[in-house]
PDB file of N, CA and C in Angstrom:
ATOM      1  N   MET A   1      83.571  90.446 130.994  1.00  0.00           N
ATOM      2  CA  MET A   1      82.700  91.056 130.012  1.00  0.00           C
ATOM      3  C   MET A   1      83.255  92.442 129.661  1.00  0.00           C
ATOM      4  N   ILE A   2      83.179  92.799 128.391  1.00  0.00           N
ATOM      5  CA  ILE A   2      83.701  94.083 127.922  1.00  0.00           C
ATOM      6  C   ILE A   2      82.641  95.162 128.105  1.00  0.00           C
ATOM      7  N   ASP A   3      83.059  96.247 128.712  1.00  0.00           N
ATOM      8  CA  ASP A   3      82.174  97.391 128.901  1.00  0.00           C
ATOM      9  C   ASP A   3      82.162  98.191 127.591  1.00  0.00           C
ATOM     10  N   PRO A   4      80.974  98.470 127.004  1.00  0.00           N
ATOM     11  CA  PRO A   4      80.913  99.235 125.755  1.00  0.00           C
ATOM     12  C   PRO A   4      81.622 100.584 125.826  1.00  0.00           C
ATOM     13  N   LYS A   5      81.729 101.161 127.014  1.00  0.00           N
ATOM     14  CA  LYS A   5      82.423 102.444 127.162  1.00  0.00           C
ATOM     15  C   LYS A   5      83.913 102.305 126.897  1.00  0.00           C
ATOM     16  N   ASP A   6      84.444 101.083 127.039  1.00  0.00           N
ATOM     17  CA  ASP A   6      85.867 100.847 126.843  1.00  0.00           C
ATOM     18  C   ASP A   6      86.233 100.622 125.372  1.00  0.00           C
ATOM     19  N   ILE A   7      85.216 100.484 124.502  1.00  0.00           N
ATOM     20  CA  ILE A   7      85.472 100.252 123.089  1.00  0.00           C
ATOM     21  C   ILE A   7      85.541 101.596 122.378  1.00  0.00           C
ATOM     22  N   THR A   8      86.640 101.811 121.696  1.00  0.00           N
ATOM     23  CA  THR A   8      86.793 103.047 120.931  1.00  0.00           C
ATOM     24  C   THR A   8      87.237 102.702 119.517  1.00  0.00           C
ATOM     25  N   ILE A   9      86.847 103.524 118.604  1.00  0.00           N
ATOM     26  CA  ILE A   9      87.261 103.370 117.215  1.00  0.00           C
ATOM     27  C   ILE A   9      88.449 104.297 116.990  1.00  0.00           C
ATOM     28  N   GLN A  10      89.479 103.759 116.386  1.00  0.00           N
ATOM     29  CA  GLN A  10      90.647 104.560 116.059  1.00  0.00           C
ATOM     30  C   GLN A  10      90.464 105.117 114.645  1.00  0.00           C
ATOM     31  N   PHE A  11      90.344 106.433 114.542  1.00  0.00           N
ATOM     32  CA  PHE A  11      90.155 107.091 113.247  1.00  0.00           C
ATOM     33  C   PHE A  11      91.488 107.565 112.708  1.00  0.00           C
ATOM     34  N   PRO A  12      91.668 107.591 111.386  1.00  0.00           N
ATOM     35  CA  PRO A  12      90.789 107.095 110.337  1.00  0.00           C
ATOM     36  C   PRO A  12      90.831 105.570 110.275  1.00  0.00           C
ATOM     37  N   CYS A  13      89.752 104.998 109.739  1.00  0.00           N
ATOM     38  CA  CYS A  13      89.667 103.543 109.614  1.00  0.00           C
ATOM     39  C   CYS A  13      88.677 103.160 108.531  1.00  0.00           C
ATOM     40  N   ALA A  14      88.788 101.918 108.066  1.00  0.00           N
ATOM     41  CA  ALA A  14      87.794 101.374 107.148  1.00  0.00           C
ATOM     42  C   ALA A  14      86.561 101.062 107.988  1.00  0.00           C
ATOM     43  N   TYR A  15      85.410 101.546 107.562  1.00  0.00           N
ATOM     44  CA  TYR A  15      84.193 101.431 108.359  1.00  0.00           C
ATOM     45  C   TYR A  15      83.039 100.990 107.448  1.00  0.00           C
ATOM     46  N   PRO A  16      82.511  99.786 107.651  1.00  0.00           N
ATOM     47  CA  PRO A  16      81.406  99.327 106.809  1.00  0.00           C
ATOM     48  C   PRO A  16      80.066  99.875 107.281  1.00  0.00           C
ATOM     49  N   ILE A  17      79.254 100.295 106.324  1.00  0.00           N
ATOM     50  CA  ILE A  17      77.884 100.710 106.638  1.00  0.00           C
ATOM     51  C   ILE A  17      76.944  99.929 105.726  1.00  0.00           C
ATOM     52  N   ARG A  18      75.726  99.737 106.169  1.00  0.00           N
ATOM     53  CA  ARG A  18      74.717  99.078 105.349  1.00  0.00           C
ATOM     54  C   ARG A  18      73.474  99.952 105.377  1.00  0.00           C
ATOM     55  N   VAL A  19      72.947 100.209 104.186  1.00  0.00           N
ATOM     56  CA  VAL A  19      71.742 101.017 104.044  1.00  0.00           C
ATOM     57  C   VAL A  19      70.675 100.127 103.408  1.00  0.00           C
ATOM     58  N   ILE A  20      69.549 100.006 104.070  1.00  0.00           N
ATOM     59  CA  ILE A  20      68.454  99.164 103.589  1.00  0.00           C
ATOM     60  C   ILE A  20      67.279 100.060 103.255  1.00  0.00           C
ATOM     61  N   GLY A  21      66.700  99.810 102.084  1.00  0.00           N
ATOM     62  CA  GLY A  21      65.579 100.639 101.680  1.00  0.00           C
ATOM     63  C   GLY A  21      64.744 100.000 100.597  1.00  0.00           C
ATOM     64  N   GLU A  22      63.694 100.688 100.212  1.00  0.00           N
ATOM     65  CA  GLU A  22      62.809 100.226  99.161  1.00  0.00           C
ATOM     66  C   GLU A  22      63.504 100.349  97.820  1.00  0.00           C
ATOM     67  N   HIS A  23      63.363  99.314  96.995  1.00  0.00           N
ATOM     68  CA  HIS A  23      63.957  99.324  95.656  1.00  0.00           C
ATOM     69  C   HIS A  23      63.317 100.423  94.813  1.00  0.00           C
ATOM     70  N   SER A  24      64.152 101.193  94.148  1.00  0.00           N
ATOM     71  CA  SER A  24      63.676 102.196  93.193  1.00  0.00           C
ATOM     72  C   SER A  24      64.791 102.434  92.191  1.00  0.00           C
ATOM     73  N   GLU A  25      64.476 103.155  91.141  1.00  0.00           N
ATOM     74  CA  GLU A  25      65.481 103.454  90.119  1.00  0.00           C
ATOM     75  C   GLU A  25      66.597 104.332  90.661  1.00  0.00           C
ATOM     76  N   THR A  26      66.318 105.101  91.705  1.00  0.00           N
ATOM     77  CA  THR A  26      67.301 106.068  92.194  1.00  0.00           C
ATOM     78  C   THR A  26      67.909 105.723  93.546  1.00  0.00           C
ATOM     79  N   PHE A  27      67.437 104.663  94.196  1.00  0.00           N
ATOM     80  CA  PHE A  27      67.881 104.356  95.562  1.00  0.00           C
ATOM     81  C   PHE A  27      69.398 104.241  95.678  1.00  0.00           C
ATOM     82  N   VAL A  28      70.008 103.364  94.904  1.00  0.00           N
ATOM     83  CA  VAL A  28      71.455 103.141  95.016  1.00  0.00           C
ATOM     84  C   VAL A  28      72.213 104.417  94.647  1.00  0.00           C
ATOM     85  N   ARG A  29      71.817 105.063  93.588  1.00  0.00           N
ATOM     86  CA  ARG A  29      72.486 106.300  93.162  1.00  0.00           C
ATOM     87  C   ARG A  29      72.441 107.356  94.262  1.00  0.00           C
ATOM     88  N   ASP A  30      71.276 107.522  94.895  1.00  0.00           N
ATOM     89  CA  ASP A  30      71.133 108.527  95.950  1.00  0.00           C
ATOM     90  C   ASP A  30      71.981 108.182  97.172  1.00  0.00           C
ATOM     91  N   VAL A  31      71.993 106.902  97.560  1.00  0.00           N
ATOM     92  CA  VAL A  31      72.796 106.477  98.705  1.00  0.00           C
ATOM     93  C   VAL A  31      74.282 106.727  98.435  1.00  0.00           C
ATOM     94  N   VAL A  32      74.759 106.311  97.271  1.00  0.00           N
ATOM     95  CA  VAL A  32      76.178 106.491  96.945  1.00  0.00           C
ATOM     96  C   VAL A  32      76.528 107.980  96.878  1.00  0.00           C
ATOM     97  N   ALA A  33      75.643 108.799  96.351  1.00  0.00           N
ATOM     98  CA  ALA A  33      75.904 110.240  96.268  1.00  0.00           C
ATOM     99  C   ALA A  33      76.058 110.854  97.651  1.00  0.00           C
ATOM    100  N   VAL A  34      75.201 110.471  98.589  1.00  0.00           N
ATOM    101  CA  VAL A  34      75.293 110.993  99.958  1.00  0.00           C
ATOM    102  C   VAL A  34      76.595 110.533 100.614  1.00  0.00           C
ATOM    103  N   VAL A  35      76.897 109.254 100.477  1.00  0.00           N
ATOM    104  CA  VAL A  35      78.121 108.731 101.089  1.00  0.00           C
ATOM    105  C   VAL A  35      79.344 109.423 100.499  1.00  0.00           C
ATOM    106  N   ARG A  36      79.348 109.638  99.192  1.00  0.00           N
ATOM    107  CA  ARG A  36      80.486 110.300  98.537  1.00  0.00           C
ATOM    108  C   ARG A  36      80.677 111.733  99.054  1.00  0.00           C
ATOM    109  N   GLN A  37      79.599 112.399  99.468  1.00  0.00           N
ATOM    110  CA  GLN A  37      79.719 113.745 100.044  1.00  0.00           C
ATOM    111  C   GLN A  37      80.510 113.711 101.343  1.00  0.00           C
ATOM    112  N   HIS A  38      80.465 112.578 102.037  1.00  0.00           N
ATOM    113  CA  HIS A  38      81.136 112.450 103.329  1.00  0.00           C
ATOM    114  C   HIS A  38      82.450 111.689 103.245  1.00  0.00           C
ATOM    115  N   ASP A  39      82.706 111.030 102.107  1.00  0.00           N
ATOM    116  CA  ASP A  39      83.967 110.328 101.873  1.00  0.00           C
ATOM    117  C   ASP A  39      84.293 110.416 100.388  1.00  0.00           C
ATOM    118  N   GLU A  40      85.055 111.418 100.030  1.00  0.00           N
ATOM    119  CA  GLU A  40      85.389 111.652  98.626  1.00  0.00           C
ATOM    120  C   GLU A  40      86.282 110.567  98.045  1.00  0.00           C
ATOM    121  N   THR A  41      86.869 109.707  98.887  1.00  0.00           N
ATOM    122  CA  THR A  41      87.757 108.649  98.397  1.00  0.00           C
ATOM    123  C   THR A  41      86.988 107.386  98.004  1.00  0.00           C
ATOM    124  N   LEU A  42      85.671 107.396  98.114  1.00  0.00           N
ATOM    125  CA  LEU A  42      84.838 106.229  97.824  1.00  0.00           C
ATOM    126  C   LEU A  42      85.058 105.754  96.384  1.00  0.00           C
ATOM    127  N   THR A  43      85.273 104.450  96.227  1.00  0.00           N
ATOM    128  CA  THR A  43      85.454 103.842  94.907  1.00  0.00           C
ATOM    129  C   THR A  43      84.345 102.828  94.656  1.00  0.00           C
ATOM    130  N   PRO A  44      84.069 102.520  93.393  1.00  0.00           N
ATOM    131  CA  PRO A  44      83.004 101.561  93.078  1.00  0.00           C
ATOM    132  C   PRO A  44      83.208 100.181  93.711  1.00  0.00           C
ATOM    133  N   ASP A  45      84.449  99.742  93.883  1.00  0.00           N
ATOM    134  CA  ASP A  45      84.679  98.418  94.463  1.00  0.00           C
ATOM    135  C   ASP A  45      84.371  98.380  95.961  1.00  0.00           C
ATOM    136  N   ALA A  46      84.087  99.513  96.584  1.00  0.00           N
ATOM    137  CA  ALA A  46      83.722  99.567  98.003  1.00  0.00           C
ATOM    138  C   ALA A  46      82.216  99.420  98.205  1.00  0.00           C
ATOM    139  N   VAL A  47      81.483  99.246  97.096  1.00  0.00           N
ATOM    140  CA  VAL A  47      80.019  99.194  97.144  1.00  0.00           C
ATOM    141  C   VAL A  47      79.549  97.815  96.688  1.00  0.00           C
ATOM    142  N   SER A  48      78.673  97.203  97.483  1.00  0.00           N
ATOM    143  CA  SER A  48      78.047  95.946  97.051  1.00  0.00           C
ATOM    144  C   SER A  48      76.549  96.033  97.285  1.00  0.00           C
ATOM    145  N   LEU A  49      75.795  95.345  96.442  1.00  0.00           N
ATOM    146  CA  LEU A  49      74.337  95.422  96.461  1.00  0.00           C
ATOM    147  C   LEU A  49      73.729  94.051  96.674  1.00  0.00           C
ATOM    148  N   ARG A  50      72.549  94.058  97.263  1.00  0.00           N
ATOM    149  CA  ARG A  50      71.796  92.817  97.438  1.00  0.00           C
ATOM    150  C   ARG A  50      70.319  93.183  97.436  1.00  0.00           C
ATOM    151  N   GLN A  51      69.531  92.410  96.677  1.00  0.00           N
ATOM    152  CA  GLN A  51      68.086  92.622  96.642  1.00  0.00           C
ATOM    153  C   GLN A  51      67.379  91.552  97.446  1.00  0.00           C
ATOM    154  N   SER A  52      66.207  91.911  97.957  1.00  0.00           N
ATOM    155  CA  SER A  52      65.391  90.927  98.658  1.00  0.00           C
ATOM    156  C   SER A  52      64.841  89.924  97.639  1.00  0.00           C
ATOM    157  N   LYS A  53      64.346  88.800  98.131  1.00  0.00           N
ATOM    158  CA  LYS A  53      63.845  87.748  97.239  1.00  0.00           C
ATOM    159  C   LYS A  53      62.748  88.240  96.302  1.00  0.00           C
ATOM    160  N   GLN A  54      61.860  89.069  96.805  1.00  0.00           N
ATOM    161  CA  GLN A  54      60.774  89.588  95.973  1.00  0.00           C
ATOM    162  C   GLN A  54      61.173  90.859  95.225  1.00  0.00           C
ATOM    163  N   GLY A  55      62.364  91.390  95.500  1.00  0.00           N
ATOM    164  CA  GLY A  55      62.842  92.578  94.812  1.00  0.00           C
ATOM    165  C   GLY A  55      62.259  93.877  95.323  1.00  0.00           C
ATOM    166  N   ARG A  56      61.578  93.825  96.437  1.00  0.00           N
ATOM    167  CA  ARG A  56      60.960  95.043  96.984  1.00  0.00           C
ATOM    168  C   ARG A  56      61.970  95.918  97.717  1.00  0.00           C
ATOM    169  N   TYR A  57      62.965  95.291  98.331  1.00  0.00           N
ATOM    170  CA  TYR A  57      63.963  96.016  99.112  1.00  0.00           C
ATOM    171  C   TYR A  57      65.363  95.769  98.570  1.00  0.00           C
ATOM    172  N   GLU A  58      66.250  96.710  98.848  1.00  0.00           N
ATOM    173  CA  GLU A  58      67.654  96.591  98.471  1.00  0.00           C
ATOM    174  C   GLU A  58      68.520  96.899  99.685  1.00  0.00           C
ATOM    175  N   SER A  59      69.674  96.296  99.695  1.00  0.00           N
ATOM    176  CA  SER A  59      70.670  96.566 100.729  1.00  0.00           C
ATOM    177  C   SER A  59      71.936  97.020 100.029  1.00  0.00           C
ATOM    178  N   VAL A  60      72.464  98.142 100.455  1.00  0.00           N
ATOM    179  CA  VAL A  60      73.715  98.669  99.907  1.00  0.00           C
ATOM    180  C   VAL A  60      74.744  98.629 101.021  1.00  0.00           C
ATOM    181  N   ARG A  61      75.833  97.881 100.793  1.00  0.00           N
ATOM    182  CA  ARG A  61      76.916  97.805 101.775  1.00  0.00           C
ATOM    183  C   ARG A  61      78.083  98.590 101.205  1.00  0.00           C
ATOM    184  N   ILE A  62      78.564  99.550 101.984  1.00  0.00           N
ATOM    185  CA  ILE A  62      79.648 100.421 101.544  1.00  0.00           C
ATOM    186  C   ILE A  62      80.690 100.495 102.646  1.00  0.00           C
ATOM    187  N   THR A  63      81.935 100.318 102.270  1.00  0.00           N
ATOM    188  CA  THR A  63      83.018 100.494 103.223  1.00  0.00           C
ATOM    189  C   THR A  63      83.651 101.850 102.942  1.00  0.00           C
ATOM    190  N   ILE A  64      83.596 102.719 103.942  1.00  0.00           N
ATOM    191  CA  ILE A  64      84.116 104.083 103.797  1.00  0.00           C
ATOM    192  C   ILE A  64      85.396 104.227 104.612  1.00  0.00           C
ATOM    193  N   THR A  65      86.064 105.335 104.397  1.00  0.00           N
ATOM    194  CA  THR A  65      87.164 105.727 105.270  1.00  0.00           C
ATOM    195  C   THR A  65      86.578 106.701 106.270  1.00  0.00           C
ATOM    196  N   ALA A  66      86.364 106.218 107.484  1.00  0.00           N
ATOM    197  CA  ALA A  66      85.773 107.056 108.532  1.00  0.00           C
ATOM    198  C   ALA A  66      86.849 107.918 109.161  1.00  0.00           C
ATOM    199  N   THR A  67      86.547 109.208 109.300  1.00  0.00           N
ATOM    200  CA  THR A  67      87.516 110.147 109.869  1.00  0.00           C
ATOM    201  C   THR A  67      87.148 110.616 111.264  1.00  0.00           C
ATOM    202  N   GLY A  68      85.921 110.333 111.702  1.00  0.00           N
ATOM    203  CA  GLY A  68      85.518 110.743 113.042  1.00  0.00           C
ATOM    204  C   GLY A  68      84.030 110.562 113.260  1.00  0.00           C
ATOM    205  N   GLU A  69      83.626 110.688 114.512  1.00  0.00           N
ATOM    206  CA  GLU A  69      82.214 110.520 114.862  1.00  0.00           C
ATOM    207  C   GLU A  69      81.319 111.553 114.208  1.00  0.00           C
ATOM    208  N   ALA A  70      81.807 112.778 114.068  1.00  0.00           N
ATOM    209  CA  ALA A  70      80.994 113.834 113.450  1.00  0.00           C
ATOM    210  C   ALA A  70      80.652 113.458 112.006  1.00  0.00           C
ATOM    211  N   GLN A  71      81.615 112.912 111.274  1.00  0.00           N
ATOM    212  CA  GLN A  71      81.382 112.474 109.898  1.00  0.00           C
ATOM    213  C   GLN A  71      80.312 111.383 109.864  1.00  0.00           C
ATOM    214  N   LEU A  72      80.426 110.396 110.737  1.00  0.00           N
ATOM    215  CA  LEU A  72      79.486 109.285 110.757  1.00  0.00           C
ATOM    216  C   LEU A  72      78.075 109.749 111.114  1.00  0.00           C
ATOM    217  N   LYS A  73      77.954 110.627 112.078  1.00  0.00           N
ATOM    218  CA  LYS A  73      76.637 111.134 112.477  1.00  0.00           C
ATOM    219  C   LYS A  73      75.998 111.955 111.363  1.00  0.00           C
ATOM    220  N   ALA A  74      76.791 112.816 110.718  1.00  0.00           N
ATOM    221  CA  ALA A  74      76.267 113.647 109.630  1.00  0.00           C
ATOM    222  C   ALA A  74      75.832 112.782 108.449  1.00  0.00           C
ATOM    223  N   MET A  75      76.605 111.757 108.147  1.00  0.00           N
ATOM    224  CA  MET A  75      76.263 110.869 107.045  1.00  0.00           C
ATOM    225  C   MET A  75      74.979 110.093 107.363  1.00  0.00           C
ATOM    226  N   HIS A  76      74.856 109.611 108.592  1.00  0.00           N
ATOM    227  CA  HIS A  76      73.646 108.884 109.001  1.00  0.00           C
ATOM    228  C   HIS A  76      72.417 109.775 108.852  1.00  0.00           C
ATOM    229  N   THR A  77      72.515 110.991 109.311  1.00  0.00           N
ATOM    230  CA  THR A  77      71.395 111.933 109.211  1.00  0.00           C
ATOM    231  C   THR A  77      71.015 112.169 107.751  1.00  0.00           C
ATOM    232  N   ALA A  78      72.022 112.386 106.897  1.00  0.00           N
ATOM    233  CA  ALA A  78      71.759 112.639 105.477  1.00  0.00           C
ATOM    234  C   ALA A  78      71.150 111.414 104.797  1.00  0.00           C
ATOM    235  N   LEU A  79      71.625 110.227 105.135  1.00  0.00           N
ATOM    236  CA  LEU A  79      71.074 109.007 104.537  1.00  0.00           C
ATOM    237  C   LEU A  79      69.626 108.793 104.945  1.00  0.00           C
ATOM    238  N   MET A  80      69.300 109.077 106.184  1.00  0.00           N
ATOM    239  CA  MET A  80      67.922 108.889 106.665  1.00  0.00           C
ATOM    240  C   MET A  80      66.947 109.884 106.014  1.00  0.00           C
ATOM    241  N   GLU A  81      67.464 110.935 105.389  1.00  0.00           N
ATOM    242  CA  GLU A  81      66.605 111.905 104.699  1.00  0.00           C
ATOM    243  C   GLU A  81      66.167 111.417 103.321  1.00  0.00           C
ATOM    244  N   ILE A  82      66.794 110.348 102.813  1.00  0.00           N
ATOM    245  CA  ILE A  82      66.382 109.772 101.532  1.00  0.00           C
ATOM    246  C   ILE A  82      65.062 109.027 101.758  1.00  0.00           C
ATOM    247  N   ASP A  83      64.063 109.344 100.956  1.00  0.00           N
ATOM    248  CA  ASP A  83      62.718 108.793 101.163  1.00  0.00           C
ATOM    249  C   ASP A  83      62.678 107.278 101.232  1.00  0.00           C
ATOM    250  N   GLU A  84      63.428 106.582 100.367  1.00  0.00           N
ATOM    251  CA  GLU A  84      63.350 105.122 100.304  1.00  0.00           C
ATOM    252  C   GLU A  84      64.091 104.428 101.451  1.00  0.00           C
ATOM    253  N   VAL A  85      64.975 105.136 102.142  1.00  0.00           N
ATOM    254  CA  VAL A  85      65.797 104.514 103.197  1.00  0.00           C
ATOM    255  C   VAL A  85      64.927 104.147 104.392  1.00  0.00           C
ATOM    256  N   LYS A  86      65.077 102.889 104.828  1.00  0.00           N
ATOM    257  CA  LYS A  86      64.364 102.399 105.999  1.00  0.00           C
ATOM    258  C   LYS A  86      65.281 102.226 107.199  1.00  0.00           C
ATOM    259  N   MET A  87      66.565 101.918 106.938  1.00  0.00           N
ATOM    260  CA  MET A  87      67.475 101.633 108.037  1.00  0.00           C
ATOM    261  C   MET A  87      68.920 101.881 107.597  1.00  0.00           C
ATOM    262  N   VAL A  88      69.727 102.416 108.510  1.00  0.00           N
ATOM    263  CA  VAL A  88      71.158 102.583 108.287  1.00  0.00           C
ATOM    264  C   VAL A  88      71.868 101.883 109.436  1.00  0.00           C
ATOM    265  N   LEU A  89      72.691 100.917 109.092  1.00  0.00           N
ATOM    266  CA  LEU A  89      73.419 100.135 110.102  1.00  0.00           C
ATOM    267  C   LEU A  89      74.908 100.373 109.952  1.00  0.00           C
TER     268      LEU A  89
END
């Protein structure tokens, strides 16, 4: 069995994140704006969207270039400050 302490991420790397939140006119724009603050190399083709069946929730999947744990933690904190965000994975 692999000990989680033995798993390390080699930075920089492609790192997928998923942000789930309530659908609104500004949700995707706000999420992408926050992510772009932490990864200026973000391109539109790195972003994919999915809505729930009833359209109440949205999921934004973004693959960023992660440069370190500090970047990931700061981005997570900033994303959780968006009112519509329910979860960042």
